[in-house]
């Protein structure tokens, strides 16, 4: 659906896209490089004030699609190309993952300690705590999984810095070992899951754990109780990686009277 509200971020990203696009003079171009310094120049020309300039490309990489006037030229995303360097990259599919609607809800007894439940924030970190305490990764993948590390900032070769929200290792019944990088989103509809983010999970795993089979997982909540988990295939290409499995879980607590209670408020 076209956006009717044009933000300052929209103005800046559209201006830099068309400036670089016109400079190249080739409508068949599939990659348009730019730098954070270019954004600074554009902001000055537009006469607007933006304090956190790196948040502009981050917003369109990780939270929402590029403005319609850019997408009219094709399915473009923004990719990191090194420190302070970025690029608009044309891909062969819609930039963001569409989550299937109408899934049957699977109720899970909520194992989150009530004191944690009471004070946890309703954000991505709170979501990761709920997933961990309830062993949702184990349930979803049918592996025995162990939490390895959280909030990893690392660098992909040729890509620049990326962040991995959570990381698990797992074992199947035959003793096969797996690496499971996890990307978490908020329940805000504008916090979209991009195909390049999913592919980067695989690229990270291949670079850092080359001997382990990668099973990339993404979590997108409907609300604080209800969580979509998606698993993708072991493919580092954002044009071809696909969803292998998707489930919708609801965390519930049963009261002595048999009624269901959700999160503590």
Protein backbone atom coordinates (compact mmCIF):
# COMPACT_ATOMS: atom_id res chain seq x y z
CA UNK A 1 0.00 0.00 0.00
CA UNK A 2 1.53 3.39 -0.94
CA UNK A 3 2.59 5.58 1.96
CA UNK A 4 0.90 8.96 2.20
CA UNK A 5 3.15 10.44 4.90
CA UNK A 6 6.55 11.54 3.62
CA UNK A 7 9.18 11.72 6.36
CA UNK A 8 12.49 13.57 6.41
CA UNK A 9 14.16 10.17 6.08
CA UNK A 10 12.12 9.57 2.90
CA UNK A 11 13.19 12.93 1.47
CA UNK A 12 16.87 12.23 2.11
CA UNK A 13 16.93 8.67 0.78
CA UNK A 14 14.97 9.59 -2.35
CA UNK A 15 17.26 12.55 -3.01
CA UNK A 16 20.45 10.49 -2.71
CA UNK A 17 19.01 7.65 -4.82
CA UNK A 18 18.06 9.87 -7.74
CA UNK A 19 21.25 11.93 -7.49
CA UNK A 20 23.39 8.79 -7.83
CA UNK A 21 21.01 7.16 -10.32
CA UNK A 22 21.16 10.19 -12.62
CA UNK A 23 24.94 10.44 -12.28
CA UNK A 24 25.34 6.87 -13.56
CA UNK A 25 23.09 7.59 -16.54
CA UNK A 26 22.13 3.94 -17.06
CA UNK A 27 18.62 2.71 -16.26
CA UNK A 28 19.89 -0.90 -16.30
CA UNK A 29 22.18 -0.34 -13.31
CA UNK A 30 21.75 -2.89 -10.51
CA UNK A 31 23.97 -1.35 -7.82
CA UNK A 32 24.35 2.29 -6.80
CA UNK A 33 27.03 3.05 -4.24
CA UNK A 34 26.91 5.97 -1.80
CA UNK A 35 28.47 6.97 1.51
CA UNK A 36 27.30 8.48 4.78
CA UNK A 37 29.14 11.67 3.76
CA UNK A 38 26.85 11.85 0.71
CA UNK A 39 23.86 11.80 3.03
CA UNK A 40 25.35 14.68 5.02
CA UNK A 41 25.62 16.75 1.83
CA UNK A 42 22.04 15.94 0.81
CA UNK A 43 20.69 16.86 4.24
CA UNK A 44 22.43 20.24 4.02
CA UNK A 45 20.98 20.87 0.56
CA UNK A 46 17.48 19.97 1.76
CA UNK A 47 17.85 22.29 4.75
CA UNK A 48 16.63 19.77 7.31
CA UNK A 49 18.11 18.56 10.60
CA UNK A 50 18.74 14.89 11.34
CA UNK A 51 20.90 14.01 14.36
CA UNK A 52 21.40 10.29 13.79
CA UNK A 53 22.36 10.08 10.13
CA UNK A 54 23.37 6.35 10.13
CA UNK A 55 19.81 5.57 11.26
CA UNK A 56 18.53 6.60 7.83
CA UNK A 57 19.99 3.67 5.86
CA UNK A 58 19.46 1.36 8.84
CA UNK A 59 15.74 2.18 8.82
CA UNK A 60 15.36 1.10 5.18
CA UNK A 61 17.64 -1.91 5.60
CA UNK A 62 15.89 -3.34 8.65
CA UNK A 63 12.57 -1.68 9.41
CA UNK A 64 10.61 -0.65 6.35
CA UNK A 65 10.65 -0.62 2.55
CA UNK A 66 12.20 2.19 0.59
CA UNK A 67 9.82 4.96 -0.58
CA UNK A 68 7.50 4.19 -3.47
CA UNK A 69 9.30 6.59 -5.81
CA UNK A 70 12.43 4.41 -5.50
CA UNK A 71 10.58 1.09 -5.73
CA UNK A 72 8.99 2.35 -8.95
CA UNK A 73 12.44 1.77 -10.45
CA UNK A 74 12.56 -1.86 -9.23
CA UNK A 75 12.96 -3.95 -6.09
CA UNK A 76 15.76 -2.04 -4.39
CA UNK A 77 17.31 -2.63 -0.98
CA UNK A 78 20.19 -0.96 0.87
CA UNK A 79 23.22 -3.07 1.63
CA UNK A 80 26.33 -2.35 3.70
CA UNK A 81 29.56 -2.19 1.65
CA UNK A 82 32.07 -1.37 4.37
CA UNK A 83 32.61 1.27 7.03
CA UNK A 84 30.55 4.31 6.09
CA UNK A 85 29.86 2.84 2.64
CA UNK A 86 26.54 1.56 1.35
CA UNK A 87 24.78 0.69 -1.87
CA UNK A 88 21.31 0.49 -3.32
CA UNK A 89 21.09 -3.04 -4.74
CA UNK A 90 18.37 -4.24 -7.12
CA UNK A 91 17.07 -7.71 -6.28
CA UNK A 92 14.80 -10.12 -8.13
CA UNK A 93 11.99 -10.31 -5.57
CA UNK A 94 10.04 -8.15 -3.15
CA UNK A 95 12.55 -6.88 -0.55
CA UNK A 96 10.67 -8.11 2.53
CA UNK A 97 9.37 -11.48 3.67
CA UNK A 98 5.59 -11.98 3.58
CA UNK A 99 4.39 -14.00 6.57
CA UNK A 100 1.58 -16.43 5.84
CA UNK A 101 -1.75 -15.55 7.46
CA UNK A 102 -4.32 -17.90 8.97
CA UNK A 103 -1.89 -20.29 10.65
CA UNK A 104 -3.22 -22.53 13.40
CA UNK A 105 -2.10 -21.32 16.82
CA UNK A 106 -0.09 -23.77 18.92
CA UNK A 107 -0.45 -23.07 22.64
CA UNK A 108 2.68 -23.47 24.77
CA UNK A 109 2.62 -23.44 28.61
CA UNK A 110 4.49 -20.28 29.53
CA UNK A 111 7.71 -21.19 31.38
CA UNK A 112 8.92 -17.60 31.68
CA UNK A 113 9.48 -16.92 35.42
CA UNK A 114 6.74 -14.60 36.59
CA UNK A 115 9.15 -12.05 38.02
CA UNK A 116 10.91 -11.90 34.63
CA UNK A 117 7.55 -11.76 32.89
CA UNK A 118 6.49 -8.90 35.15
CA UNK A 119 9.48 -6.69 34.49
CA UNK A 120 10.59 -7.65 30.99
CA UNK A 121 10.22 -4.97 28.35
CA UNK A 122 7.83 -5.42 25.45
CA UNK A 123 10.60 -5.28 22.86
CA UNK A 124 12.97 -7.53 20.94
CA UNK A 125 15.01 -8.35 24.06
CA UNK A 126 11.84 -9.34 25.91
CA UNK A 127 10.88 -11.52 22.96
CA UNK A 128 14.27 -13.25 23.02
CA UNK A 129 13.88 -13.95 26.76
CA UNK A 130 10.46 -15.50 26.18
CA UNK A 131 11.84 -17.66 23.38
CA UNK A 132 14.78 -18.82 25.49
CA UNK A 133 12.90 -19.65 28.70
CA UNK A 134 10.20 -21.48 26.77
CA UNK A 135 12.70 -23.40 24.64
CA UNK A 136 10.77 -22.40 21.55
CA UNK A 137 13.78 -22.96 19.30
CA UNK A 138 13.94 -26.61 20.48
CA UNK A 139 10.19 -27.07 20.02
CA UNK A 140 10.16 -25.43 16.60
CA UNK A 141 13.22 -27.17 15.12
CA UNK A 142 12.83 -30.52 16.98
CA UNK A 143 16.50 -30.26 17.96
CA UNK A 144 18.10 -30.14 21.38
CA UNK A 145 19.33 -26.55 21.41
CA UNK A 146 21.66 -24.56 23.62
CA UNK A 147 21.94 -20.79 23.78
CA UNK A 148 25.43 -19.68 22.75
CA UNK A 149 25.53 -15.89 22.55
CA UNK A 150 23.37 -12.76 22.27
CA UNK A 151 23.62 -9.47 20.43
CA UNK A 152 26.61 -10.25 18.25
CA UNK A 153 28.22 -7.42 16.30
CA UNK A 154 30.51 -8.75 13.64
CA UNK A 155 31.75 -8.08 10.14
CA UNK A 156 30.93 -10.05 7.01
CA UNK A 157 33.67 -10.17 4.41
CA UNK A 158 32.83 -7.71 1.66
CA UNK A 159 29.67 -6.65 3.47
CA UNK A 160 30.59 -4.62 6.53
CA UNK A 161 29.16 -4.76 10.03
CA UNK A 162 26.05 -6.77 10.83
CA UNK A 163 24.23 -7.73 14.02
CA UNK A 164 22.95 -11.16 15.04
CA UNK A 165 20.27 -10.98 17.75
CA UNK A 166 20.77 -14.46 19.20
CA UNK A 167 22.77 -17.59 18.47
CA UNK A 168 22.06 -21.23 19.33
CA UNK A 169 23.79 -24.53 18.67
CA UNK A 170 21.77 -27.72 18.34
CA UNK A 171 21.96 -31.49 18.10
CA UNK A 172 19.65 -33.93 16.36
CA UNK A 173 19.02 -37.56 17.36
CA UNK A 174 21.96 -38.73 15.25
CA UNK A 175 24.40 -36.36 16.90
CA UNK A 176 24.54 -33.98 13.90
CA UNK A 177 25.51 -30.48 15.03
CA UNK A 178 23.82 -27.28 13.84
CA UNK A 179 24.28 -23.55 14.18
CA UNK A 180 21.08 -21.52 14.53
CA UNK A 181 21.39 -17.73 14.17
CA UNK A 182 18.19 -15.91 15.14
CA UNK A 183 16.81 -12.57 13.99
CA UNK A 184 14.10 -11.02 16.19
CA UNK A 185 11.63 -8.33 15.18
CA UNK A 186 9.19 -6.26 17.23
CA UNK A 187 5.42 -6.52 16.86
CA UNK A 188 5.36 -3.14 15.08
CA UNK A 189 4.02 -3.72 11.56
CA UNK A 190 6.66 -1.36 10.18
CA UNK A 191 9.46 -3.53 11.61
CA UNK A 192 9.78 -5.72 8.53
CA UNK A 193 11.95 -8.76 7.92
CA UNK A 194 14.16 -8.34 4.87
CA UNK A 195 15.42 -11.18 2.69
CA UNK A 196 18.93 -9.78 2.86
CA UNK A 197 18.83 -9.97 6.68
CA UNK A 198 17.90 -13.64 6.50
CA UNK A 199 20.60 -14.35 3.91
CA UNK A 200 23.15 -12.57 6.11
CA UNK A 201 22.36 -15.01 8.92
CA UNK A 202 23.48 -17.80 6.61
CA UNK A 203 26.53 -15.90 5.40
CA UNK A 204 27.53 -15.26 9.02
CA UNK A 205 27.17 -18.96 9.84
CA UNK A 206 29.16 -20.05 6.77
CA UNK A 207 31.93 -17.57 7.60
CA UNK A 208 32.20 -18.31 11.33
CA UNK A 209 30.95 -21.91 11.68
CA UNK A 210 31.77 -23.52 8.31
CA UNK A 211 31.60 -27.08 9.65
CA UNK A 212 28.05 -26.73 11.00
CA UNK A 213 24.82 -26.89 9.02
CA UNK A 214 23.00 -23.59 9.33
CA UNK A 215 19.31 -23.40 10.26
CA UNK A 216 18.45 -19.68 10.26
CA UNK A 217 15.48 -18.69 12.42
CA UNK A 218 13.46 -15.47 12.54
CA UNK A 219 10.91 -14.41 15.16
CA UNK A 220 8.11 -11.96 14.44
CA UNK A 221 5.49 -11.49 17.18
CA UNK A 222 1.86 -10.67 16.52
CA UNK A 223 1.61 -9.37 20.07
CA UNK A 224 3.38 -9.99 23.37
CA UNK A 225 1.91 -13.48 23.68
CA UNK A 226 1.83 -14.70 20.11
CA UNK A 227 5.00 -15.37 18.12
CA UNK A 228 5.67 -16.41 14.54
CA UNK A 229 8.82 -18.49 14.13
CA UNK A 230 10.16 -18.96 10.61
CA UNK A 231 12.98 -21.23 9.48
CA UNK A 232 14.76 -20.69 6.16
CA UNK A 233 16.94 -22.94 4.05
CA UNK A 234 20.74 -22.85 4.20
CA UNK A 235 21.15 -20.42 1.29
CA UNK A 236 23.28 -17.22 1.44
CA UNK A 237 21.64 -15.70 -1.64
CA UNK A 238 18.89 -13.19 -0.82
CA UNK A 239 17.32 -13.72 -4.24
CA UNK A 240 16.75 -17.46 -3.72
CA UNK A 241 16.63 -18.18 0.03
CA UNK A 242 13.18 -19.42 1.03
CA UNK A 243 10.99 -20.30 4.00
CA UNK A 244 11.28 -23.96 5.04
CA UNK A 245 8.93 -23.93 8.02
CA UNK A 246 6.65 -21.51 9.84
CA UNK A 247 4.67 -21.89 13.06
CA UNK A 248 2.57 -19.61 15.24
CA UNK A 249 2.90 -20.09 19.02
CA UNK A 250 0.95 -18.58 21.90
CA UNK A 251 2.38 -18.52 25.43
CA UNK A 252 -0.31 -19.21 28.03
CA UNK A 253 -0.58 -19.95 31.73
CA UNK A 254 -3.36 -22.18 33.08
CA UNK A 255 -5.05 -20.97 36.24
CA UNK A 256 -6.34 -23.34 38.97
CA UNK A 257 -9.86 -22.70 37.67
CA UNK A 258 -8.79 -23.90 34.21
CA UNK A 259 -8.91 -20.45 32.66
CA UNK A 260 -6.07 -19.18 30.49
CA UNK A 261 -3.94 -16.20 31.52
CA UNK A 262 -1.47 -14.48 29.28
CA UNK A 263 1.29 -12.06 30.32
CA UNK A 264 1.34 -10.40 33.73
CA UNK A 265 0.46 -6.72 33.52
